[in-house]
Amino acid sequence: MYKMWCMPTSRCYKGLTILFGIWAVALLLLGIMIPPIVRQHGVQPKGPDEAEWLVIQTRITTLLWCSYIMAAAFAGASLLSVAACLAYRTKERNSAESEPILMDEKDTDL
């Protein structure tokens, strides 16, 4: 049962770091790009559509807060993955240095 699950490696955490970083940047870009697009193509704030504009502004504000909070969460997860990656990298290096080098049968003819 123990061998069914893969052991964590620095390479695994490096991939998670990149993945979480991409998600954090994407959410930041979402927060930066969506409000100007909605303002340009949405309802104008004057006239009979003012109530609808206030609803849109409320939704934009909610979207911004949610995207920034999720971006911060993914950035934090990325930083934790970097720490785990560095920890496992030093662990792997230390274990590789302490293991004896075994020679193959082909190499014994030297």
N, C-alpha and C. Protein backbone atom coordinates (compact mmCIF):
# COMPACT_ATOMS: atom_id res chain seq x y z
N MET A 1 0.83 -1.19 0.00
CA MET A 1 0.00 0.00 0.00
C MET A 1 0.87 1.26 0.00
N TYR A 2 2.01 1.20 0.70
CA TYR A 2 2.89 2.37 0.79
C TYR A 2 3.45 2.75 -0.57
N LYS A 3 3.74 1.75 -1.40
CA LYS A 3 4.34 2.03 -2.70
C LYS A 3 3.31 2.49 -3.74
N MET A 4 2.02 2.42 -3.40
CA MET A 4 1.00 2.88 -4.32
C MET A 4 1.04 4.39 -4.49
N TRP A 5 1.38 5.09 -3.44
CA TRP A 5 1.38 6.55 -3.47
C TRP A 5 2.79 7.04 -3.77
N CYS A 6 2.89 8.05 -4.59
CA CYS A 6 4.21 8.56 -4.93
C CYS A 6 4.74 9.41 -3.77
N MET A 7 6.02 9.42 -3.64
CA MET A 7 6.67 10.20 -2.60
C MET A 7 6.86 11.63 -3.12
N PRO A 8 6.67 12.63 -2.25
CA PRO A 8 6.86 14.01 -2.72
C PRO A 8 8.33 14.28 -3.06
N THR A 9 8.53 14.99 -4.14
CA THR A 9 9.87 15.35 -4.56
C THR A 9 9.92 16.85 -4.80
N SER A 10 11.12 17.37 -4.95
CA SER A 10 11.25 18.81 -5.22
C SER A 10 10.66 19.16 -6.58
N ARG A 11 10.74 18.23 -7.51
CA ARG A 11 10.20 18.47 -8.85
C ARG A 11 8.68 18.64 -8.81
N CYS A 12 8.03 17.86 -7.97
CA CYS A 12 6.57 17.96 -7.79
C CYS A 12 6.20 19.34 -7.28
N TYR A 13 6.90 19.81 -6.26
CA TYR A 13 6.59 21.11 -5.68
C TYR A 13 6.99 22.26 -6.61
N LYS A 14 7.97 22.03 -7.45
CA LYS A 14 8.33 23.05 -8.45
C LYS A 14 7.17 23.23 -9.43
N GLY A 15 6.56 22.14 -9.85
CA GLY A 15 5.41 22.21 -10.74
C GLY A 15 4.23 22.91 -10.09
N LEU A 16 3.98 22.60 -8.81
CA LEU A 16 2.89 23.27 -8.11
C LEU A 16 3.18 24.76 -7.94
N THR A 17 4.43 25.12 -7.73
CA THR A 17 4.80 26.53 -7.61
C THR A 17 4.47 27.28 -8.90
N ILE A 18 4.84 26.69 -10.02
CA ILE A 18 4.56 27.32 -11.32
C ILE A 18 3.05 27.41 -11.55
N LEU A 19 2.33 26.35 -11.26
CA LEU A 19 0.89 26.32 -11.46
C LEU A 19 0.18 27.37 -10.61
N PHE A 20 0.49 27.41 -9.32
CA PHE A 20 -0.14 28.40 -8.44
C PHE A 20 0.26 29.81 -8.83
N GLY A 21 1.49 30.00 -9.29
CA GLY A 21 1.92 31.32 -9.73
C GLY A 21 1.16 31.79 -10.96
N ILE A 22 0.92 30.88 -11.89
CA ILE A 22 0.15 31.22 -13.09
C ILE A 22 -1.28 31.61 -12.70
N TRP A 23 -1.88 30.85 -11.79
CA TRP A 23 -3.24 31.18 -11.37
C TRP A 23 -3.28 32.53 -10.66
N ALA A 24 -2.30 32.83 -9.83
CA ALA A 24 -2.27 34.12 -9.13
C ALA A 24 -2.14 35.28 -10.13
N VAL A 25 -1.27 35.14 -11.10
CA VAL A 25 -1.10 36.20 -12.11
C VAL A 25 -2.37 36.34 -12.95
N ALA A 26 -3.00 35.23 -13.30
CA ALA A 26 -4.23 35.28 -14.09
C ALA A 26 -5.34 36.01 -13.33
N LEU A 27 -5.45 35.75 -12.04
CA LEU A 27 -6.48 36.43 -11.25
C LEU A 27 -6.17 37.91 -11.08
N LEU A 28 -4.90 38.26 -10.96
CA LEU A 28 -4.55 39.68 -10.91
C LEU A 28 -4.88 40.37 -12.23
N LEU A 29 -4.59 39.71 -13.33
CA LEU A 29 -4.93 40.28 -14.64
C LEU A 29 -6.44 40.41 -14.81
N LEU A 30 -7.19 39.45 -14.29
CA LEU A 30 -8.64 39.54 -14.34
C LEU A 30 -9.12 40.78 -13.59
N GLY A 31 -8.56 41.01 -12.41
CA GLY A 31 -8.94 42.18 -11.64
C GLY A 31 -8.55 43.49 -12.29
N ILE A 32 -7.50 43.46 -13.07
CA ILE A 32 -7.04 44.69 -13.73
C ILE A 32 -7.80 44.94 -15.04
N MET A 33 -8.12 43.89 -15.79
CA MET A 33 -8.68 44.06 -17.13
C MET A 33 -10.19 44.16 -17.19
N ILE A 34 -10.92 43.47 -16.34
CA ILE A 34 -12.37 43.40 -16.46
C ILE A 34 -13.07 44.74 -16.18
N PRO A 35 -12.74 45.48 -15.11
CA PRO A 35 -13.49 46.72 -14.86
C PRO A 35 -13.44 47.75 -16.00
N PRO A 36 -12.29 48.01 -16.62
CA PRO A 36 -12.32 48.96 -17.74
C PRO A 36 -13.14 48.46 -18.94
N ILE A 37 -13.13 47.16 -19.17
CA ILE A 37 -13.91 46.61 -20.27
C ILE A 37 -15.40 46.77 -20.00
N VAL A 38 -15.83 46.52 -18.77
CA VAL A 38 -17.24 46.67 -18.42
C VAL A 38 -17.65 48.14 -18.51
N ARG A 39 -16.78 49.04 -18.08
CA ARG A 39 -17.10 50.46 -18.16
C ARG A 39 -17.23 50.93 -19.61
N GLN A 40 -16.41 50.40 -20.48
CA GLN A 40 -16.46 50.81 -21.89
C GLN A 40 -17.67 50.24 -22.62
N HIS A 41 -18.04 49.01 -22.31
CA HIS A 41 -19.09 48.33 -23.07
C HIS A 41 -20.38 48.16 -22.28
N GLY A 42 -20.39 48.60 -21.04
CA GLY A 42 -21.56 48.41 -20.20
C GLY A 42 -22.54 49.56 -20.30
N VAL A 43 -23.42 49.64 -19.33
CA VAL A 43 -24.46 50.66 -19.25
C VAL A 43 -23.83 51.96 -18.78
N GLN A 44 -24.29 53.08 -19.32
CA GLN A 44 -23.77 54.39 -18.92
C GLN A 44 -24.36 54.80 -17.57
N PRO A 45 -23.59 55.52 -16.74
CA PRO A 45 -24.04 55.82 -15.38
C PRO A 45 -25.10 56.90 -15.28
N LYS A 46 -25.49 57.55 -16.34
CA LYS A 46 -26.47 58.64 -16.27
C LYS A 46 -27.78 58.22 -16.92
N GLY A 47 -28.85 58.84 -16.47
CA GLY A 47 -30.14 58.59 -17.10
C GLY A 47 -30.94 57.53 -16.39
N PRO A 48 -31.88 56.90 -17.10
CA PRO A 48 -32.78 55.92 -16.47
C PRO A 48 -32.07 54.61 -16.09
N ASP A 49 -30.87 54.39 -16.62
CA ASP A 49 -30.15 53.15 -16.33
C ASP A 49 -29.25 53.27 -15.11
N GLU A 50 -29.42 54.31 -14.32
CA GLU A 50 -28.52 54.54 -13.18
C GLU A 50 -28.64 53.43 -12.13
N ALA A 51 -29.83 52.91 -11.89
CA ALA A 51 -30.00 51.82 -10.92
C ALA A 51 -29.29 50.56 -11.41
N GLU A 52 -29.40 50.31 -12.69
CA GLU A 52 -28.70 49.14 -13.26
C GLU A 52 -27.19 49.32 -13.17
N TRP A 53 -26.73 50.55 -13.37
CA TRP A 53 -25.30 50.85 -13.27
C TRP A 53 -24.79 50.59 -11.86
N LEU A 54 -25.58 50.94 -10.85
CA LEU A 54 -25.17 50.69 -9.47
C LEU A 54 -25.07 49.20 -9.17
N VAL A 55 -25.97 48.41 -9.75
CA VAL A 55 -25.90 46.95 -9.60
C VAL A 55 -24.62 46.43 -10.26
N ILE A 56 -24.32 46.95 -11.43
CA ILE A 56 -23.11 46.52 -12.15
C ILE A 56 -21.87 46.90 -11.34
N GLN A 57 -21.85 48.11 -10.79
CA GLN A 57 -20.70 48.56 -9.99
C GLN A 57 -20.51 47.67 -8.76
N THR A 58 -21.62 47.28 -8.13
CA THR A 58 -21.55 46.39 -6.97
C THR A 58 -20.97 45.03 -7.37
N ARG A 59 -21.40 44.52 -8.51
CA ARG A 59 -20.88 43.23 -8.98
C ARG A 59 -19.40 43.33 -9.35
N ILE A 60 -19.00 44.45 -9.95
CA ILE A 60 -17.58 44.63 -10.29
C ILE A 60 -16.73 44.67 -9.02
N THR A 61 -17.22 45.38 -8.01
CA THR A 61 -16.49 45.46 -6.74
C THR A 61 -16.36 44.08 -6.10
N THR A 62 -17.44 43.31 -6.13
CA THR A 62 -17.40 41.94 -5.60
C THR A 62 -16.42 41.09 -6.38
N LEU A 63 -16.44 41.20 -7.69
CA LEU A 63 -15.51 40.46 -8.54
C LEU A 63 -14.06 40.83 -8.22
N LEU A 64 -13.80 42.12 -8.06
CA LEU A 64 -12.44 42.55 -7.74
C LEU A 64 -11.96 41.99 -6.41
N TRP A 65 -12.79 42.10 -5.38
CA TRP A 65 -12.39 41.58 -4.07
C TRP A 65 -12.15 40.08 -4.12
N CYS A 66 -13.05 39.35 -4.75
CA CYS A 66 -12.88 37.89 -4.84
C CYS A 66 -11.63 37.53 -5.62
N SER A 67 -11.38 38.20 -6.73
CA SER A 67 -10.20 37.86 -7.54
C SER A 67 -8.91 38.22 -6.80
N TYR A 68 -8.89 39.34 -6.08
CA TYR A 68 -7.68 39.70 -5.34
C TYR A 68 -7.45 38.78 -4.15
N ILE A 69 -8.51 38.37 -3.48
CA ILE A 69 -8.36 37.44 -2.35
C ILE A 69 -7.86 36.08 -2.86
N MET A 70 -8.45 35.60 -3.97
CA MET A 70 -7.99 34.32 -4.51
C MET A 70 -6.57 34.42 -5.04
N ALA A 71 -6.20 35.55 -5.64
CA ALA A 71 -4.83 35.74 -6.11
C ALA A 71 -3.86 35.71 -4.94
N ALA A 72 -4.23 36.32 -3.83
CA ALA A 72 -3.37 36.28 -2.64
C ALA A 72 -3.26 34.86 -2.09
N ALA A 73 -4.36 34.12 -2.12
CA ALA A 73 -4.32 32.72 -1.65
C ALA A 73 -3.41 31.87 -2.54
N PHE A 74 -3.53 32.05 -3.85
CA PHE A 74 -2.67 31.27 -4.75
C PHE A 74 -1.21 31.71 -4.66
N ALA A 75 -0.98 32.99 -4.45
CA ALA A 75 0.40 33.44 -4.26
C ALA A 75 0.98 32.86 -2.98
N GLY A 76 0.18 32.79 -1.93
CA GLY A 76 0.64 32.17 -0.69
C GLY A 76 0.92 30.68 -0.87
N ALA A 77 0.03 30.00 -1.60
CA ALA A 77 0.27 28.58 -1.88
C ALA A 77 1.52 28.40 -2.72
N SER A 78 1.78 29.33 -3.63
CA SER A 78 2.99 29.26 -4.44
C SER A 78 4.24 29.43 -3.57
N LEU A 79 4.18 30.36 -2.62
CA LEU A 79 5.32 30.55 -1.71
C LEU A 79 5.54 29.33 -0.82
N LEU A 80 4.46 28.71 -0.36
CA LEU A 80 4.61 27.48 0.42
C LEU A 80 5.21 26.36 -0.43
N SER A 81 4.81 26.29 -1.68
CA SER A 81 5.37 25.26 -2.57
C SER A 81 6.85 25.52 -2.83
N VAL A 82 7.25 26.80 -2.94
CA VAL A 82 8.67 27.11 -3.11
C VAL A 82 9.45 26.64 -1.89
N ALA A 83 8.91 26.90 -0.70
CA ALA A 83 9.59 26.47 0.53
C ALA A 83 9.70 24.95 0.58
N ALA A 84 8.63 24.24 0.21
CA ALA A 84 8.67 22.77 0.20
C ALA A 84 9.64 22.27 -0.87
N CYS A 85 9.68 22.93 -2.02
CA CYS A 85 10.60 22.55 -3.09
C CYS A 85 12.04 22.66 -2.61
N LEU A 86 12.37 23.78 -1.97
CA LEU A 86 13.74 23.97 -1.49
C LEU A 86 14.07 22.98 -0.37
N ALA A 87 13.10 22.68 0.49
CA ALA A 87 13.35 21.73 1.57
C ALA A 87 13.61 20.33 1.01
N TYR A 88 12.79 19.90 0.06
CA TYR A 88 12.99 18.58 -0.51
C TYR A 88 14.24 18.52 -1.38
N ARG A 89 14.62 19.63 -1.99
CA ARG A 89 15.85 19.64 -2.80
C ARG A 89 17.06 19.41 -1.91
N THR A 90 17.13 20.09 -0.77
CA THR A 90 18.26 19.87 0.13
C THR A 90 18.21 18.47 0.73
N LYS A 91 17.00 17.97 1.01
CA LYS A 91 16.87 16.61 1.53
C LYS A 91 17.35 15.59 0.50
N GLU A 92 16.98 15.80 -0.77
CA GLU A 92 17.40 14.88 -1.83
C GLU A 92 18.92 14.94 -2.04
N ARG A 93 19.49 16.13 -1.97
CA ARG A 93 20.94 16.26 -2.12
C ARG A 93 21.68 15.58 -0.99
N ASN A 94 21.19 15.76 0.24
CA ASN A 94 21.84 15.14 1.38
C ASN A 94 21.73 13.63 1.32
N SER A 95 20.60 13.10 0.90
CA SER A 95 20.45 11.65 0.81
C SER A 95 21.27 11.09 -0.35
N ALA A 96 21.44 11.85 -1.43
CA ALA A 96 22.25 11.39 -2.56
C ALA A 96 23.73 11.36 -2.19
N GLU A 97 24.16 12.28 -1.35
CA GLU A 97 25.57 12.31 -0.94
C GLU A 97 25.90 11.19 0.04
N SER A 98 24.91 10.79 0.85
CA SER A 98 25.18 9.77 1.85
C SER A 98 25.06 8.35 1.32
N GLU A 99 24.41 8.15 0.18
CA GLU A 99 24.25 6.81 -0.38
C GLU A 99 25.56 6.36 -1.04
N PRO A 100 25.96 5.13 -0.84
CA PRO A 100 27.16 4.63 -1.52
C PRO A 100 26.88 4.39 -3.00
N ILE A 101 27.89 4.59 -3.80
CA ILE A 101 27.76 4.39 -5.24
C ILE A 101 28.04 2.92 -5.52
N LEU A 102 27.06 2.26 -6.14
CA LEU A 102 27.20 0.84 -6.47
C LEU A 102 27.65 0.72 -7.91
N MET A 103 28.53 -0.21 -8.15
CA MET A 103 29.04 -0.41 -9.50
C MET A 103 28.28 -1.54 -10.16
N ASP A 104 28.05 -1.41 -11.44
CA ASP A 104 27.42 -2.47 -12.20
C ASP A 104 28.43 -3.58 -12.45
N GLU A 105 27.93 -4.71 -12.92
CA GLU A 105 28.83 -5.82 -13.24
C GLU A 105 29.74 -5.46 -14.39
N LYS A 106 29.26 -4.62 -15.30
CA LYS A 106 30.07 -4.21 -16.46
C LYS A 106 31.24 -3.35 -16.01
N ASP A 107 31.06 -2.57 -14.96
CA ASP A 107 32.10 -1.65 -14.53
C ASP A 107 33.19 -2.32 -13.70
N THR A 108 33.04 -3.59 -13.32
CA THR A 108 34.03 -4.24 -12.47
C THR A 108 35.26 -4.68 -13.28
N ASP A 109 35.21 -4.62 -14.59
CA ASP A 109 36.36 -5.04 -15.39
C ASP A 109 37.46 -4.01 -15.42
N LEU A 110 37.25 -2.87 -14.84
CA LEU A 110 38.27 -1.84 -14.89
C LEU A 110 39.44 -2.28 -14.17
